[in-house]
Amino acid sequence: QVQLVESGGGLVQPGGSLTLSCAASGFTFNRSAMSWFRQAPGKEREWIALISSSGDSKSYSDPVVGRFTISRDNAKNTLYLQMNSLKPEDTAVYYCHSQMTGYWGKGTQVTVSS
């Protein structure tokens, strides 16, 4: 049974940092490219970062490039998103997604506010 469980969200002030994690199980994690998406209130879910199965290739959407870093630890079956210089417009529910299985996690809330 495929499971993706996000954690690490919370309330942070503008300019602050957070690191999200996504624990994967039920599939061969090191064979799946993985992505982070986010969905703000009243908006569609948007893709923000992608990492290849090996971790050698990464790409980012324009709103987060230079501020967010996607990474993975295949030995721990875990995906990460390091978020720096957070802005109020980064407030959203953040989801991880497995390209190989098509599964989504349930998300973790990130709120950027003073």
N, C-alpha and C. Protein backbone atom coordinates (compact mmCIF):
# COMPACT_ATOMS: atom_id res chain seq x y z
N GLN A 1 0.84 -1.19 0.00
CA GLN A 1 0.00 0.00 0.00
C GLN A 1 0.88 1.25 0.00
N VAL A 2 0.70 2.06 -1.01
CA VAL A 2 1.50 3.28 -1.14
C VAL A 2 1.06 4.30 -0.09
N GLN A 3 2.04 4.86 0.60
CA GLN A 3 1.76 5.94 1.54
C GLN A 3 2.80 7.03 1.38
N LEU A 4 2.31 8.27 1.40
CA LEU A 4 3.15 9.46 1.42
C LEU A 4 2.66 10.32 2.56
N VAL A 5 3.53 10.61 3.52
CA VAL A 5 3.12 11.35 4.70
C VAL A 5 4.02 12.58 4.86
N GLU A 6 3.41 13.74 4.67
CA GLU A 6 4.14 15.00 4.81
C GLU A 6 4.17 15.44 6.27
N SER A 7 5.21 16.17 6.63
CA SER A 7 5.33 16.74 7.97
C SER A 7 6.23 17.96 7.90
N GLY A 8 6.24 18.73 8.99
CA GLY A 8 7.14 19.87 9.07
C GLY A 8 6.50 21.22 8.84
N GLY A 9 5.23 21.24 8.49
CA GLY A 9 4.56 22.51 8.29
C GLY A 9 4.34 23.25 9.60
N GLY A 10 3.88 24.50 9.46
CA GLY A 10 3.59 25.28 10.66
C GLY A 10 3.47 26.75 10.33
N LEU A 11 3.51 27.55 11.38
CA LEU A 11 3.42 29.00 11.26
C LEU A 11 4.84 29.59 11.35
N VAL A 12 5.16 30.45 10.39
CA VAL A 12 6.49 31.06 10.35
C VAL A 12 6.36 32.51 9.93
N GLN A 13 7.22 33.35 10.43
CA GLN A 13 7.20 34.77 10.07
C GLN A 13 7.80 34.98 8.68
N PRO A 14 7.39 36.04 8.00
CA PRO A 14 8.01 36.35 6.71
C PRO A 14 9.52 36.45 6.84
N GLY A 15 10.22 35.88 5.86
CA GLY A 15 11.67 35.84 5.90
C GLY A 15 12.23 34.61 6.60
N GLY A 16 11.36 33.85 7.24
CA GLY A 16 11.80 32.67 7.96
C GLY A 16 11.98 31.46 7.06
N SER A 17 12.29 30.33 7.72
CA SER A 17 12.57 29.09 7.00
C SER A 17 11.81 27.93 7.62
N LEU A 18 11.54 26.96 6.79
CA LEU A 18 10.95 25.69 7.21
C LEU A 18 11.51 24.59 6.33
N THR A 19 11.56 23.38 6.89
CA THR A 19 11.90 22.21 6.09
C THR A 19 10.77 21.20 6.19
N LEU A 20 10.22 20.85 5.05
CA LEU A 20 9.17 19.84 4.97
C LEU A 20 9.79 18.49 4.66
N SER A 21 9.14 17.44 5.17
CA SER A 21 9.55 16.07 4.87
C SER A 21 8.37 15.29 4.32
N CYS A 22 8.67 14.28 3.54
CA CYS A 22 7.65 13.39 3.01
C CYS A 22 8.18 11.96 3.12
N ALA A 23 7.60 11.21 4.04
CA ALA A 23 8.02 9.82 4.25
C ALA A 23 7.23 8.91 3.32
N ALA A 24 7.94 8.12 2.53
CA ALA A 24 7.31 7.28 1.52
C ALA A 24 7.41 5.80 1.90
N SER A 25 6.38 5.06 1.57
CA SER A 25 6.40 3.61 1.79
C SER A 25 5.47 2.93 0.80
N GLY A 26 5.66 1.63 0.61
CA GLY A 26 4.77 0.85 -0.24
C GLY A 26 5.13 0.82 -1.71
N PHE A 27 6.24 1.43 -2.06
CA PHE A 27 6.73 1.36 -3.43
C PHE A 27 8.24 1.55 -3.41
N THR A 28 8.86 1.33 -4.57
CA THR A 28 10.31 1.45 -4.65
C THR A 28 10.68 2.91 -4.83
N PHE A 29 10.90 3.57 -3.71
CA PHE A 29 11.10 5.02 -3.68
C PHE A 29 12.22 5.46 -4.60
N ASN A 30 13.33 4.71 -4.62
CA ASN A 30 14.48 5.17 -5.40
C ASN A 30 14.31 5.00 -6.91
N ARG A 31 13.15 4.56 -7.32
CA ARG A 31 12.85 4.47 -8.75
C ARG A 31 11.85 5.52 -9.20
N SER A 32 11.39 6.35 -8.29
CA SER A 32 10.35 7.32 -8.61
C SER A 32 10.86 8.75 -8.54
N ALA A 33 10.69 9.51 -9.64
CA ALA A 33 10.83 10.96 -9.52
C ALA A 33 9.74 11.44 -8.56
N MET A 34 10.06 12.51 -7.83
CA MET A 34 9.13 13.03 -6.82
C MET A 34 8.96 14.53 -6.99
N SER A 35 7.79 15.01 -6.66
CA SER A 35 7.51 16.43 -6.76
C SER A 35 6.88 16.96 -5.48
N TRP A 36 7.01 18.26 -5.31
CA TRP A 36 6.24 19.01 -4.33
C TRP A 36 5.26 19.91 -5.09
N PHE A 37 4.05 19.96 -4.59
CA PHE A 37 3.01 20.85 -5.07
C PHE A 37 2.49 21.64 -3.88
N ARG A 38 1.74 22.70 -4.16
CA ARG A 38 1.08 23.43 -3.09
C ARG A 38 -0.26 23.95 -3.59
N GLN A 39 -1.15 24.17 -2.63
CA GLN A 39 -2.46 24.71 -2.97
C GLN A 39 -2.85 25.75 -1.95
N ALA A 40 -2.96 26.99 -2.41
CA ALA A 40 -3.39 28.09 -1.56
C ALA A 40 -4.91 28.18 -1.55
N PRO A 41 -5.49 28.79 -0.51
CA PRO A 41 -6.95 28.90 -0.45
C PRO A 41 -7.52 29.57 -1.70
N GLY A 42 -8.50 28.94 -2.29
CA GLY A 42 -9.17 29.50 -3.46
C GLY A 42 -8.41 29.39 -4.76
N LYS A 43 -7.27 28.69 -4.73
CA LYS A 43 -6.45 28.56 -5.93
C LYS A 43 -6.27 27.09 -6.29
N GLU A 44 -5.86 26.86 -7.54
CA GLU A 44 -5.59 25.50 -7.98
C GLU A 44 -4.26 25.00 -7.42
N ARG A 45 -4.14 23.69 -7.34
CA ARG A 45 -2.88 23.11 -6.91
C ARG A 45 -1.81 23.41 -7.96
N GLU A 46 -0.63 23.84 -7.52
CA GLU A 46 0.44 24.19 -8.45
C GLU A 46 1.71 23.40 -8.14
N TRP A 47 2.39 23.01 -9.19
CA TRP A 47 3.67 22.33 -9.06
C TRP A 47 4.75 23.35 -8.66
N ILE A 48 5.66 22.94 -7.75
CA ILE A 48 6.72 23.87 -7.38
C ILE A 48 8.12 23.28 -7.52
N ALA A 49 8.28 21.96 -7.41
CA ALA A 49 9.63 21.41 -7.50
C ALA A 49 9.57 19.93 -7.87
N LEU A 50 10.60 19.51 -8.61
CA LEU A 50 10.72 18.12 -9.07
C LEU A 50 12.15 17.65 -8.87
N ILE A 51 12.29 16.40 -8.46
CA ILE A 51 13.61 15.80 -8.33
C ILE A 51 13.58 14.43 -8.99
N SER A 52 14.65 14.10 -9.69
CA SER A 52 14.72 12.80 -10.36
C SER A 52 14.88 11.68 -9.33
N SER A 53 14.76 10.45 -9.79
CA SER A 53 14.82 9.32 -8.88
C SER A 53 16.18 9.23 -8.18
N SER A 54 17.23 9.60 -8.86
CA SER A 54 18.57 9.55 -8.27
C SER A 54 18.90 10.79 -7.46
N GLY A 55 18.15 11.85 -7.69
CA GLY A 55 18.44 13.12 -7.04
C GLY A 55 19.38 14.01 -7.82
N ASP A 56 19.83 13.55 -8.98
CA ASP A 56 20.81 14.31 -9.74
C ASP A 56 20.21 15.49 -10.49
N SER A 57 18.93 15.41 -10.78
CA SER A 57 18.29 16.46 -11.57
C SER A 57 17.15 17.08 -10.77
N LYS A 58 17.11 18.41 -10.75
CA LYS A 58 16.08 19.14 -10.01
C LYS A 58 15.56 20.29 -10.87
N SER A 59 14.31 20.63 -10.68
CA SER A 59 13.76 21.80 -11.34
C SER A 59 12.74 22.45 -10.42
N TYR A 60 12.51 23.76 -10.66
CA TYR A 60 11.68 24.56 -9.77
C TYR A 60 10.78 25.50 -10.58
N SER A 61 9.64 25.84 -9.99
CA SER A 61 8.79 26.84 -10.61
C SER A 61 9.37 28.23 -10.33
N ASP A 62 8.99 29.17 -11.15
CA ASP A 62 9.54 30.53 -11.02
C ASP A 62 9.32 31.16 -9.64
N PRO A 63 8.12 30.99 -9.02
CA PRO A 63 7.90 31.66 -7.73
C PRO A 63 8.83 31.19 -6.61
N VAL A 64 9.45 30.02 -6.73
CA VAL A 64 10.24 29.50 -5.61
C VAL A 64 11.71 29.33 -5.95
N VAL A 65 12.09 29.47 -7.21
CA VAL A 65 13.48 29.25 -7.58
C VAL A 65 14.39 30.20 -6.83
N GLY A 66 15.48 29.64 -6.30
CA GLY A 66 16.44 30.44 -5.53
C GLY A 66 16.10 30.53 -4.06
N ARG A 67 14.89 30.14 -3.68
CA ARG A 67 14.48 30.18 -2.26
C ARG A 67 14.22 28.78 -1.69
N PHE A 68 13.71 27.89 -2.52
CA PHE A 68 13.38 26.53 -2.07
C PHE A 68 14.38 25.53 -2.65
N THR A 69 14.65 24.46 -1.91
CA THR A 69 15.54 23.41 -2.37
C THR A 69 14.89 22.05 -2.12
N ILE A 70 14.74 21.28 -3.18
CA ILE A 70 14.20 19.93 -3.06
C ILE A 70 15.37 18.95 -2.95
N SER A 71 15.21 17.94 -2.12
CA SER A 71 16.25 16.93 -1.97
C SER A 71 15.58 15.62 -1.54
N ARG A 72 16.37 14.55 -1.55
CA ARG A 72 15.84 13.25 -1.13
C ARG A 72 16.95 12.42 -0.53
N ASP A 73 16.52 11.52 0.34
CA ASP A 73 17.42 10.53 0.92
C ASP A 73 16.83 9.16 0.60
N ASN A 74 17.37 8.52 -0.42
CA ASN A 74 16.80 7.25 -0.86
C ASN A 74 17.00 6.13 0.17
N ALA A 75 18.01 6.26 1.01
CA ALA A 75 18.23 5.26 2.06
C ALA A 75 17.14 5.34 3.13
N LYS A 76 16.56 6.52 3.29
CA LYS A 76 15.51 6.74 4.29
C LYS A 76 14.13 6.84 3.67
N ASN A 77 14.03 6.67 2.35
CA ASN A 77 12.73 6.79 1.65
C ASN A 77 12.03 8.10 2.01
N THR A 78 12.78 9.18 1.98
CA THR A 78 12.24 10.47 2.41
C THR A 78 12.59 11.57 1.41
N LEU A 79 11.61 12.39 1.15
CA LEU A 79 11.74 13.57 0.30
C LEU A 79 11.69 14.80 1.19
N TYR A 80 12.45 15.84 0.80
CA TYR A 80 12.52 17.06 1.61
C TYR A 80 12.25 18.29 0.73
N LEU A 81 11.81 19.36 1.43
CA LEU A 81 11.73 20.67 0.79
C LEU A 81 12.22 21.69 1.79
N GLN A 82 13.39 22.25 1.54
CA GLN A 82 13.93 23.33 2.37
C GLN A 82 13.41 24.64 1.81
N MET A 83 12.70 25.40 2.65
CA MET A 83 12.10 26.66 2.21
C MET A 83 12.70 27.81 2.99
N ASN A 84 13.34 28.73 2.27
CA ASN A 84 13.96 29.90 2.87
C ASN A 84 13.29 31.18 2.37
N SER A 85 13.55 32.26 3.05
CA SER A 85 13.01 33.58 2.66
C SER A 85 11.52 33.49 2.37
N LEU A 86 10.79 32.89 3.28
CA LEU A 86 9.36 32.66 3.06
C LEU A 86 8.58 33.96 3.01
N LYS A 87 7.57 33.97 2.17
CA LYS A 87 6.72 35.14 1.95
C LYS A 87 5.27 34.77 2.28
N PRO A 88 4.44 35.76 2.61
CA PRO A 88 3.03 35.46 2.88
C PRO A 88 2.37 34.70 1.73
N GLU A 89 2.76 34.97 0.52
CA GLU A 89 2.17 34.28 -0.64
C GLU A 89 2.59 32.82 -0.75
N ASP A 90 3.51 32.37 0.09
CA ASP A 90 3.86 30.96 0.15
C ASP A 90 2.89 30.16 1.03
N THR A 91 1.97 30.86 1.69
CA THR A 91 0.98 30.19 2.53
C THR A 91 0.13 29.24 1.68
N ALA A 92 0.12 27.98 2.07
CA ALA A 92 -0.60 26.96 1.29
C ALA A 92 -0.49 25.63 2.02
N VAL A 93 -1.26 24.66 1.52
CA VAL A 93 -1.04 23.27 1.91
C VAL A 93 -0.05 22.68 0.91
N TYR A 94 0.99 22.06 1.44
CA TYR A 94 2.06 21.50 0.61
C TYR A 94 1.91 19.98 0.53
N TYR A 95 2.00 19.46 -0.69
CA TYR A 95 1.81 18.03 -0.96
C TYR A 95 3.02 17.45 -1.66
N CYS A 96 3.36 16.22 -1.33
CA CYS A 96 4.34 15.50 -2.13
C CYS A 96 3.61 14.52 -3.06
N HIS A 97 4.27 14.20 -4.16
CA HIS A 97 3.66 13.39 -5.21
C HIS A 97 4.68 12.47 -5.82
N SER A 98 4.29 11.22 -5.97
CA SER A 98 5.15 10.23 -6.62
C SER A 98 4.78 10.12 -8.09
N GLN A 99 5.74 10.41 -8.96
CA GLN A 99 5.46 10.35 -10.40
C GLN A 99 5.18 8.91 -10.84
N MET A 100 5.90 7.95 -10.26
CA MET A 100 5.77 6.56 -10.67
C MET A 100 4.40 5.99 -10.32
N THR A 101 3.92 6.27 -9.11
CA THR A 101 2.66 5.67 -8.64
C THR A 101 1.45 6.57 -8.86
N GLY A 102 1.68 7.88 -8.98
CA GLY A 102 0.57 8.82 -9.08
C GLY A 102 -0.07 9.18 -7.76
N TYR A 103 0.48 8.65 -6.68
CA TYR A 103 -0.11 8.91 -5.36
C TYR A 103 0.31 10.29 -4.81
N TRP A 104 -0.60 10.81 -3.95
CA TRP A 104 -0.39 12.07 -3.25
C TRP A 104 -0.39 11.82 -1.75
N GLY A 105 0.32 12.67 -1.01
CA GLY A 105 0.14 12.70 0.42
C GLY A 105 -1.07 13.53 0.77
N LYS A 106 -1.37 13.61 2.07
CA LYS A 106 -2.54 14.38 2.52
C LYS A 106 -2.21 15.85 2.74
N GLY A 107 -0.93 16.19 2.72
CA GLY A 107 -0.53 17.57 2.80
C GLY A 107 -0.17 18.04 4.20
N THR A 108 0.60 19.14 4.23
CA THR A 108 0.94 19.79 5.49
C THR A 108 0.80 21.30 5.29
N GLN A 109 0.19 21.95 6.28
CA GLN A 109 -0.11 23.38 6.15
C GLN A 109 1.11 24.22 6.48
N VAL A 110 1.39 25.18 5.62
CA VAL A 110 2.42 26.18 5.87
C VAL A 110 1.75 27.55 5.86
N THR A 111 1.91 28.29 6.94
CA THR A 111 1.35 29.63 7.04
C THR A 111 2.47 30.61 7.32
N VAL A 112 2.58 31.61 6.45
CA VAL A 112 3.61 32.63 6.60
C VAL A 112 2.92 33.94 6.97
N SER A 113 3.12 34.36 8.20
CA SER A 113 2.41 35.53 8.70
C SER A 113 3.14 36.11 9.89
N SER A 114 3.04 37.43 10.03
CA SER A 114 3.62 38.08 11.20
C SER A 114 2.57 38.25 12.29
